[in-house]
Amino acid sequence: MQNFVSHHIVLNQLGKQLQEKLSGFYIQDVFSNSKEDLIISLRYRDEIMHIQAHFSEQSFLFIAPAAGKGRKSQIQFEEINNLQVLSVEEIFNDRSLIIRLTEDFTILFKLYGRNGNAILFHQNDVKSVFKDRFANDHLLKLNQFTDLLSPSDESEALKIPSFFTNIYEIENQKKVFFELQASTEITCVKSIESDSAIQALEIYSREFFRLRALSNKLGQAIKSKKQEIEHQTHILKSAIKSIDIGNIQKNYREQGDILMANLHSIEPHTSEFELWDFYNSCNVKFKLKPGQSPQKFAEKLYSKARNQENDLIRQKEKIQLTRARIQDLSLDLERLNSTQHIKQIKPFDAANKLVNK
């Protein structure tokens, strides 16, 4: 599937429609709210309009419904504030548009995907660029592009009746394509038709940013879930290991029983001795501290036995709870993978558990 969002057929129609819409407007200001988006605010009498150029894996130009500056906004192209729009034209077969302004200023929009850029020219020379990382863009000359302006006799030949914003489900992810015909693919889950390039690009941009935000938010949520599952799995393994160690450690209760059962046979003031282990049918050695009686030692063994048994109970409870937690997290992952809207991601509580509404 080909995305036609910056195809010259689309840009040809977009240029003509923007020419009609923007002619006579004045540049109010130009700013960016991100490294990928340049916004141009225009005014004519009481009317305000915003043109937004987006440069990422797809580059496209559209009329934004509203655009306000944020705390991190950066002013761009101050030289053209209050200048008037003279024309909007497509650069033939180059995925580019230019907006000509008064005082010999021109904005070039290179809609080249990730290599796209917005460049301000004064006469034939570069005055400023939006994305500064492309060193060669500083060396461009405007006539390299204006010599490629669309021939006027092509306007009718390039005119097409409708544009389509088609959304496909590809490998469990929804992706949006700007196309020149209705889709016949079974993977197409939504198709929106428009006979206006401006309107079609507004629709496309809305779906593009919606799905992009969903993908980013979903990716973060899935990553968080996987990390939590990994953490809980580590807890589970540690608890199981603790029980295994507890099972092979000395059984303090059995030792206490052996000692108490043989108190009568232990010589007074003896610090080391062997007794018959009636649990395991073998002799077991005992070593007392100086001045410690066998009975006191037995009491200590019973105390250790209680702690040992309580710890085993706690570890078994932890295993049960952790397994249930991992199961819940796995169900969350399944739900996240079928999420269709950002609002469906929000119902995660502080415990990262999806709450069904």
Protein backbone atom coordinates (compact mmCIF):
# COMPACT_ATOMS: atom_id res chain seq x y z
CA MET A 1 0.00 0.00 0.00
CA GLN A 2 1.28 3.44 -0.94
CA ASN A 3 0.63 6.51 1.15
CA PHE A 4 -0.25 9.38 -1.20
CA VAL A 5 -0.29 12.07 1.50
CA SER A 6 2.58 13.97 -0.15
CA HIS A 7 2.06 12.76 -3.70
CA HIS A 8 2.27 15.53 -6.31
CA ILE A 9 -1.32 14.85 -7.43
CA VAL A 10 -2.53 15.60 -3.90
CA LEU A 11 -0.21 18.60 -3.49
CA ASN A 12 -1.36 20.00 -6.83
CA GLN A 13 -4.97 20.09 -5.64
CA LEU A 14 -3.98 21.22 -2.15
CA GLY A 15 -1.95 24.11 -3.55
CA LYS A 16 -4.85 25.33 -5.66
CA GLN A 17 -7.33 25.10 -2.78
CA LEU A 18 -4.96 26.82 -0.33
CA GLN A 19 -4.38 29.53 -2.92
CA GLU A 20 -8.11 30.30 -2.89
CA LYS A 21 -8.36 30.06 0.90
CA LEU A 22 -5.22 31.95 1.97
CA SER A 23 -4.90 34.65 -0.63
CA GLY A 24 -4.92 38.02 1.13
CA PHE A 25 -4.21 36.58 4.59
CA TYR A 26 -1.37 37.99 6.68
CA ILE A 27 1.17 36.01 8.70
CA GLN A 28 0.41 36.55 12.37
CA ASP A 29 3.23 34.39 13.76
CA VAL A 30 5.13 31.17 13.13
CA PHE A 31 6.07 28.77 15.92
CA SER A 32 6.77 25.14 16.77
CA ASN A 33 5.47 23.07 19.67
CA SER A 34 7.68 20.11 18.80
CA LYS A 35 10.63 19.20 16.62
CA GLU A 36 8.23 17.70 14.09
CA ASP A 37 5.60 20.42 13.71
CA LEU A 38 5.70 23.96 12.34
CA ILE A 39 2.57 26.06 12.78
CA ILE A 40 1.77 29.21 10.83
CA SER A 41 -0.99 31.42 12.19
CA LEU A 42 -2.63 33.69 9.63
CA ARG A 43 -5.24 36.41 9.95
CA TYR A 44 -7.54 38.36 7.68
CA ARG A 45 -9.75 40.88 9.41
CA ASP A 46 -11.48 38.87 12.17
CA GLU A 47 -10.66 35.46 10.73
CA ILE A 48 -7.77 33.36 12.09
CA MET A 49 -6.40 30.28 10.35
CA HIS A 50 -3.59 27.85 11.23
CA ILE A 51 -1.47 25.93 8.74
CA GLN A 52 0.48 23.03 10.25
CA ALA A 53 3.37 21.22 8.59
CA HIS A 54 4.28 17.87 10.10
CA PHE A 55 7.61 16.13 9.43
CA SER A 56 8.05 12.54 10.66
CA GLU A 57 7.76 9.16 8.95
CA GLN A 58 5.13 10.95 6.90
CA SER A 59 5.28 14.65 6.02
CA PHE A 60 2.11 16.56 5.22
CA LEU A 61 0.51 19.98 5.34
CA PHE A 62 -2.98 20.65 6.67
CA ILE A 63 -5.23 23.30 8.14
CA ALA A 64 -5.23 22.79 11.89
CA PRO A 65 -8.54 23.37 13.72
CA ALA A 66 -6.76 25.20 16.56
CA ALA A 67 -3.18 25.80 17.55
CA GLY A 68 -1.89 27.46 20.68
CA LYS A 69 1.59 28.05 21.98
CA GLY A 70 2.81 25.94 24.87
CA ARG A 71 5.45 26.65 27.50
CA LYS A 72 8.10 25.04 25.32
CA SER A 73 7.02 26.66 22.05
CA GLN A 74 9.74 28.20 19.91
CA ILE A 75 9.24 31.19 17.65
CA GLN A 76 10.21 30.57 14.02
CA PHE A 77 10.62 32.76 10.94
CA GLU A 78 10.01 36.07 12.76
CA GLU A 79 11.05 37.93 9.60
CA ILE A 80 7.72 37.20 7.93
CA ASN A 81 5.34 38.38 10.66
CA ASN A 82 2.69 40.69 9.17
CA LEU A 83 3.59 39.81 5.58
CA GLN A 84 0.78 38.99 3.17
CA VAL A 85 0.23 35.73 1.30
CA LEU A 86 0.48 36.20 -2.47
CA SER A 87 0.18 32.62 -3.75
CA VAL A 88 0.46 28.94 -2.95
CA GLU A 89 1.99 26.65 -5.57
CA GLU A 90 3.06 23.03 -5.95
CA ILE A 91 6.58 22.14 -7.03
CA PHE A 92 5.92 19.70 -9.86
CA ASN A 93 6.68 16.07 -9.02
CA ASP A 94 8.86 17.04 -6.04
CA ARG A 95 6.54 16.57 -3.03
CA SER A 96 6.94 20.25 -2.22
CA LEU A 97 4.80 23.36 -1.88
CA ILE A 98 5.73 27.03 -1.70
CA ILE A 99 3.88 29.95 -0.15
CA ARG A 100 4.93 33.26 -1.70
CA LEU A 101 4.75 36.35 0.52
CA THR A 102 5.23 40.05 0.08
CA GLU A 103 8.71 41.61 0.32
CA ASP A 104 10.22 38.72 -1.71
CA PHE A 105 9.87 36.09 1.00
CA THR A 106 8.92 32.48 0.21
CA ILE A 107 8.30 29.47 2.46
CA LEU A 108 9.22 26.11 0.95
CA PHE A 109 7.71 22.95 2.43
CA LYS A 110 9.78 19.90 1.50
CA LEU A 111 7.43 17.03 2.32
CA TYR A 112 10.08 14.31 2.14
CA GLY A 113 9.06 12.21 5.15
CA ARG A 114 11.75 12.20 7.85
CA ASN A 115 13.97 14.27 5.56
CA GLY A 116 11.30 16.93 5.19
CA ASN A 117 11.81 20.54 6.21
CA ALA A 118 10.38 24.04 6.02
CA ILE A 119 12.77 26.62 4.58
CA LEU A 120 12.37 30.38 4.46
CA PHE A 121 13.88 32.13 1.43
CA HIS A 122 14.42 35.82 0.85
CA GLN A 123 14.58 36.33 -2.87
CA ASN A 124 16.70 33.34 -4.00
CA ASP A 125 18.67 32.64 -0.82
CA VAL A 126 17.94 30.72 2.36
CA LYS A 127 17.10 33.02 5.25
CA SER A 128 16.15 30.43 7.88
CA VAL A 129 15.31 26.72 8.22
CA PHE A 130 12.98 24.92 10.60
CA LYS A 131 15.02 21.71 11.06
CA ASP A 132 18.60 22.87 11.34
CA ARG A 133 20.18 19.40 11.24
CA PHE A 134 20.02 19.21 7.44
CA ALA A 135 23.19 21.12 6.50
CA ASN A 136 22.53 20.96 2.75
CA ASP A 137 19.23 22.80 3.17
CA HIS A 138 21.20 25.95 4.02
CA LEU A 139 22.82 25.81 0.59
CA LEU A 140 19.64 25.60 -1.46
CA LYS A 141 18.50 28.21 -3.95
CA LEU A 142 14.83 28.94 -4.49
CA ASN A 143 15.09 28.74 -8.27
CA GLN A 144 16.06 25.07 -7.93
CA PHE A 145 12.41 24.56 -7.05
CA THR A 146 10.53 27.33 -8.82
CA ASP A 147 11.87 26.08 -12.15
CA LEU A 148 9.81 22.95 -11.44
CA LEU A 149 6.47 24.65 -10.78
CA SER A 150 3.47 22.70 -12.06
CA PRO A 151 2.55 23.50 -15.65
CA SER A 152 -0.74 25.40 -15.75
CA ASP A 153 -2.19 23.10 -18.41
CA GLU A 154 -1.96 20.12 -16.04
CA SER A 155 -4.51 21.41 -13.56
CA GLU A 156 -7.45 19.56 -15.09
CA ALA A 157 -5.48 16.42 -15.88
CA LEU A 158 -4.43 16.08 -12.24
CA LYS A 159 -7.88 16.71 -10.82
CA ILE A 160 -9.39 13.65 -9.17
CA PRO A 161 -12.95 13.33 -7.82
CA SER A 162 -12.22 12.06 -4.28
CA PHE A 163 -9.57 11.44 -1.67
CA PHE A 164 -9.73 8.62 0.88
CA THR A 165 -8.40 8.27 4.41
CA ASN A 166 -8.16 4.50 4.83
CA ILE A 167 -7.29 2.77 8.11
CA TYR A 168 -5.88 -0.75 7.93
CA GLU A 169 -5.23 -3.33 10.61
CA ILE A 170 -1.72 -4.65 9.97
CA GLU A 171 -0.14 -7.13 12.40
CA ASN A 172 -2.60 -6.14 15.14
CA GLN A 173 -1.81 -2.44 14.67
CA LYS A 174 -3.94 0.17 12.97
CA LYS A 175 -2.23 2.32 10.36
CA VAL A 176 -3.64 5.17 8.33
CA PHE A 177 -3.04 5.77 4.62
CA PHE A 178 -4.02 8.68 2.39
CA GLU A 179 -5.17 7.15 -0.90
CA LEU A 180 -6.75 8.15 -4.18
CA GLN A 181 -9.38 5.43 -4.27
CA ALA A 182 -11.60 3.41 -1.98
CA SER A 183 -9.84 0.37 -0.55
CA THR A 184 -10.88 -3.16 -1.46
CA GLU A 185 -8.50 -4.74 1.06
CA ILE A 186 -10.14 -6.89 3.74
CA THR A 187 -7.71 -5.37 6.26
CA CYS A 188 -9.29 -1.94 5.76
CA VAL A 189 -11.37 -1.26 8.88
CA LYS A 190 -12.37 2.34 8.15
CA SER A 191 -12.56 4.50 5.03
CA ILE A 192 -13.45 8.20 4.92
CA GLU A 193 -14.07 9.88 1.56
CA SER A 194 -13.73 13.58 0.77
CA ASP A 195 -13.83 15.54 -2.48
CA SER A 196 -11.64 18.32 -1.04
CA ALA A 197 -7.87 17.94 -0.57
CA ILE A 198 -7.97 20.36 2.37
CA GLN A 199 -10.76 18.49 4.11
CA ALA A 200 -9.22 15.10 3.33
CA LEU A 201 -5.88 16.14 4.83
CA GLU A 202 -7.62 17.48 7.95
CA ILE A 203 -9.30 14.07 8.34
CA TYR A 204 -6.05 12.23 7.65
CA SER A 205 -4.08 14.35 10.16
CA ARG A 206 -6.70 13.74 12.85
CA GLU A 207 -6.53 9.97 12.35
CA PHE A 208 -2.73 10.01 11.99
CA PHE A 209 -2.19 11.83 15.30
CA ARG A 210 -4.89 9.79 17.06
CA LEU A 211 -3.34 6.47 16.04
CA ARG A 212 0.16 7.76 16.74
CA ALA A 213 -0.79 8.86 20.25
CA LEU A 214 -2.55 5.55 20.81
CA SER A 215 0.52 3.63 19.61
CA ASN A 216 2.86 5.62 21.86
CA LYS A 217 0.61 5.37 24.91
CA LEU A 218 -0.07 1.71 24.24
CA GLY A 219 3.63 0.99 23.82
CA GLN A 220 4.39 2.61 27.18
CA ALA A 221 1.56 0.70 28.90
CA ILE A 222 2.62 -2.64 27.39
CA LYS A 223 6.26 -2.00 28.33
CA SER A 224 5.19 -1.20 31.90
CA LYS A 225 3.12 -4.39 32.09
CA LYS A 226 5.96 -6.55 30.78
CA GLN A 227 8.38 -5.01 33.28
CA GLU A 228 5.91 -5.66 36.11
CA ILE A 229 5.44 -9.28 34.97
CA GLU A 230 9.23 -9.70 34.91
CA HIS A 231 9.48 -8.20 38.41
CA GLN A 232 6.70 -10.42 39.79
CA THR A 233 8.26 -13.48 38.15
CA HIS A 234 11.52 -12.70 39.94
CA ILE A 235 9.60 -12.45 43.25
CA LEU A 236 7.90 -15.78 42.53
CA LYS A 237 11.19 -17.54 41.80
CA SER A 238 12.74 -16.14 45.00
CA ALA A 239 9.79 -17.34 47.09
CA ILE A 240 9.92 -20.83 45.56
CA LYS A 241 13.68 -20.94 46.18
CA SER A 242 13.12 -19.93 49.83
CA ILE A 243 10.70 -22.82 50.32
CA ASP A 244 13.11 -25.25 48.66
CA ILE A 245 15.90 -24.07 50.98
CA GLY A 246 13.55 -24.30 53.98
CA ASN A 247 12.68 -27.87 53.10
CA ILE A 248 16.32 -28.97 53.13
CA GLN A 249 17.35 -26.97 56.20
CA LYS A 250 17.44 -28.46 59.68
CA ASN A 251 14.00 -29.15 61.06
CA TYR A 252 14.25 -27.38 64.41
CA ARG A 253 11.00 -28.85 65.75
CA GLU A 254 12.19 -32.40 65.14
CA GLN A 255 15.50 -31.62 66.87
CA GLY A 256 13.62 -30.15 69.85
CA ASP A 257 11.46 -33.28 70.09
CA ILE A 258 14.54 -35.55 69.99
CA LEU A 259 16.25 -33.53 72.71
CA MET A 260 13.20 -33.42 75.00
CA ALA A 261 12.59 -37.14 74.56
CA ASN A 262 16.14 -37.90 75.74
CA LEU A 263 16.62 -35.41 78.59
CA HIS A 264 16.89 -38.26 81.10
CA SER A 265 19.78 -39.87 79.23
CA ILE A 266 21.98 -36.78 78.86
CA GLU A 267 24.82 -36.58 81.38
CA PRO A 268 24.83 -33.33 83.43
CA HIS A 269 27.20 -30.61 82.23
CA THR A 270 27.74 -32.36 78.88
CA SER A 271 28.22 -29.89 76.01
CA GLU A 272 28.46 -32.30 73.06
CA PHE A 273 26.55 -35.55 72.59
CA GLU A 274 24.75 -37.73 70.06
CA LEU A 275 21.11 -38.84 70.24
CA TRP A 276 19.02 -41.20 68.18
CA ASP A 277 16.95 -39.36 65.53
CA PHE A 278 13.71 -41.35 65.58
CA TYR A 279 12.38 -39.28 62.65
CA ASN A 280 15.17 -40.17 60.21
CA SER A 281 16.56 -43.36 61.86
CA CYS A 282 20.10 -42.10 62.44
CA ASN A 283 22.25 -40.43 65.08
CA VAL A 284 22.30 -36.64 65.29
CA LYS A 285 24.92 -34.49 67.03
CA PHE A 286 24.09 -31.71 69.50
CA LYS A 287 26.45 -29.00 70.75
CA LEU A 288 25.46 -26.75 73.67
CA LYS A 289 26.92 -23.40 74.66
CA PRO A 290 28.82 -23.25 77.96
CA GLY A 291 26.34 -23.20 80.85
CA GLN A 292 23.37 -23.95 78.56
CA SER A 293 21.05 -26.72 79.73
CA PRO A 294 19.55 -29.23 77.25
CA GLN A 295 16.05 -27.99 78.19
CA LYS A 296 16.93 -24.34 77.44
CA PHE A 297 18.48 -25.43 74.15
CA ALA A 298 15.28 -27.30 73.31
CA GLU A 299 13.24 -24.16 74.00
CA LYS A 300 15.51 -22.23 71.60
CA LEU A 301 15.03 -24.91 68.95
CA TYR A 302 11.23 -24.67 69.30
CA SER A 303 11.44 -20.89 68.94
CA LYS A 304 13.46 -21.28 65.73
CA ALA A 305 10.94 -23.88 64.54
CA ARG A 306 8.06 -21.42 64.98
CA ASN A 307 9.95 -18.76 62.99
CA GLN A 308 10.82 -21.31 60.31
CA GLU A 309 7.23 -22.49 60.00
CA ASN A 310 5.86 -18.92 59.92
CA ASP A 311 8.35 -18.00 57.19
CA LEU A 312 7.28 -20.99 55.11
CA ILE A 313 3.64 -19.95 55.52
CA ARG A 314 4.51 -16.41 54.42
CA GLN A 315 6.44 -17.67 51.40
CA LYS A 316 3.56 -19.94 50.36
CA GLU A 317 1.13 -17.03 50.66
CA LYS A 318 3.51 -14.86 48.63
CA ILE A 319 3.68 -17.54 45.92
CA GLN A 320 -0.11 -17.73 45.76
CA LEU A 321 -0.55 -13.95 45.59
CA THR A 322 2.29 -13.48 43.09
CA ARG A 323 0.92 -16.13 40.76
CA ALA A 324 -2.49 -14.43 40.88
CA ARG A 325 -0.81 -11.06 40.19
CA ILE A 326 1.06 -12.46 37.18
CA GLN A 327 -2.21 -13.89 35.87
CA ASP A 328 -3.92 -10.51 36.25
CA LEU A 329 -1.04 -8.74 34.51
CA SER A 330 -1.14 -11.25 31.65
CA LEU A 331 -4.86 -10.58 31.21
CA ASP A 332 -4.10 -6.85 31.19
CA LEU A 333 -1.61 -7.41 28.39
CA GLU A 334 -4.22 -9.25 26.35
CA ARG A 335 -6.67 -6.37 26.86
CA LEU A 336 -4.05 -3.79 25.96
CA ASN A 337 -3.24 -5.62 22.74
CA SER A 338 -6.88 -5.31 21.71
CA THR A 339 -7.19 -1.65 22.75
CA GLN A 340 -8.67 0.63 20.12
CA HIS A 341 -8.72 4.00 21.89
CA ILE A 342 -6.57 5.95 24.34
CA LYS A 343 -9.51 6.15 26.78
CA GLN A 344 -9.32 2.37 27.15
CA ILE A 345 -5.75 2.68 28.46
CA LYS A 346 -6.62 5.20 31.18
CA PRO A 347 -8.61 2.87 33.49
CA PHE A 348 -5.38 1.45 34.94
CA ASP A 349 -5.30 2.07 38.66
CA ALA A 350 -2.23 2.61 40.84
CA ALA A 351 -1.66 -1.14 40.93
CA ASN A 352 -1.54 -1.19 37.11
CA LYS A 353 -4.64 -3.35 36.99
CA LEU A 354 -7.18 -2.78 34.25
CA VAL A 355 -10.53 -1.88 35.74
CA ASN A 356 -13.54 -2.89 33.69
CA LYS A 357 -16.22 -0.23 33.53
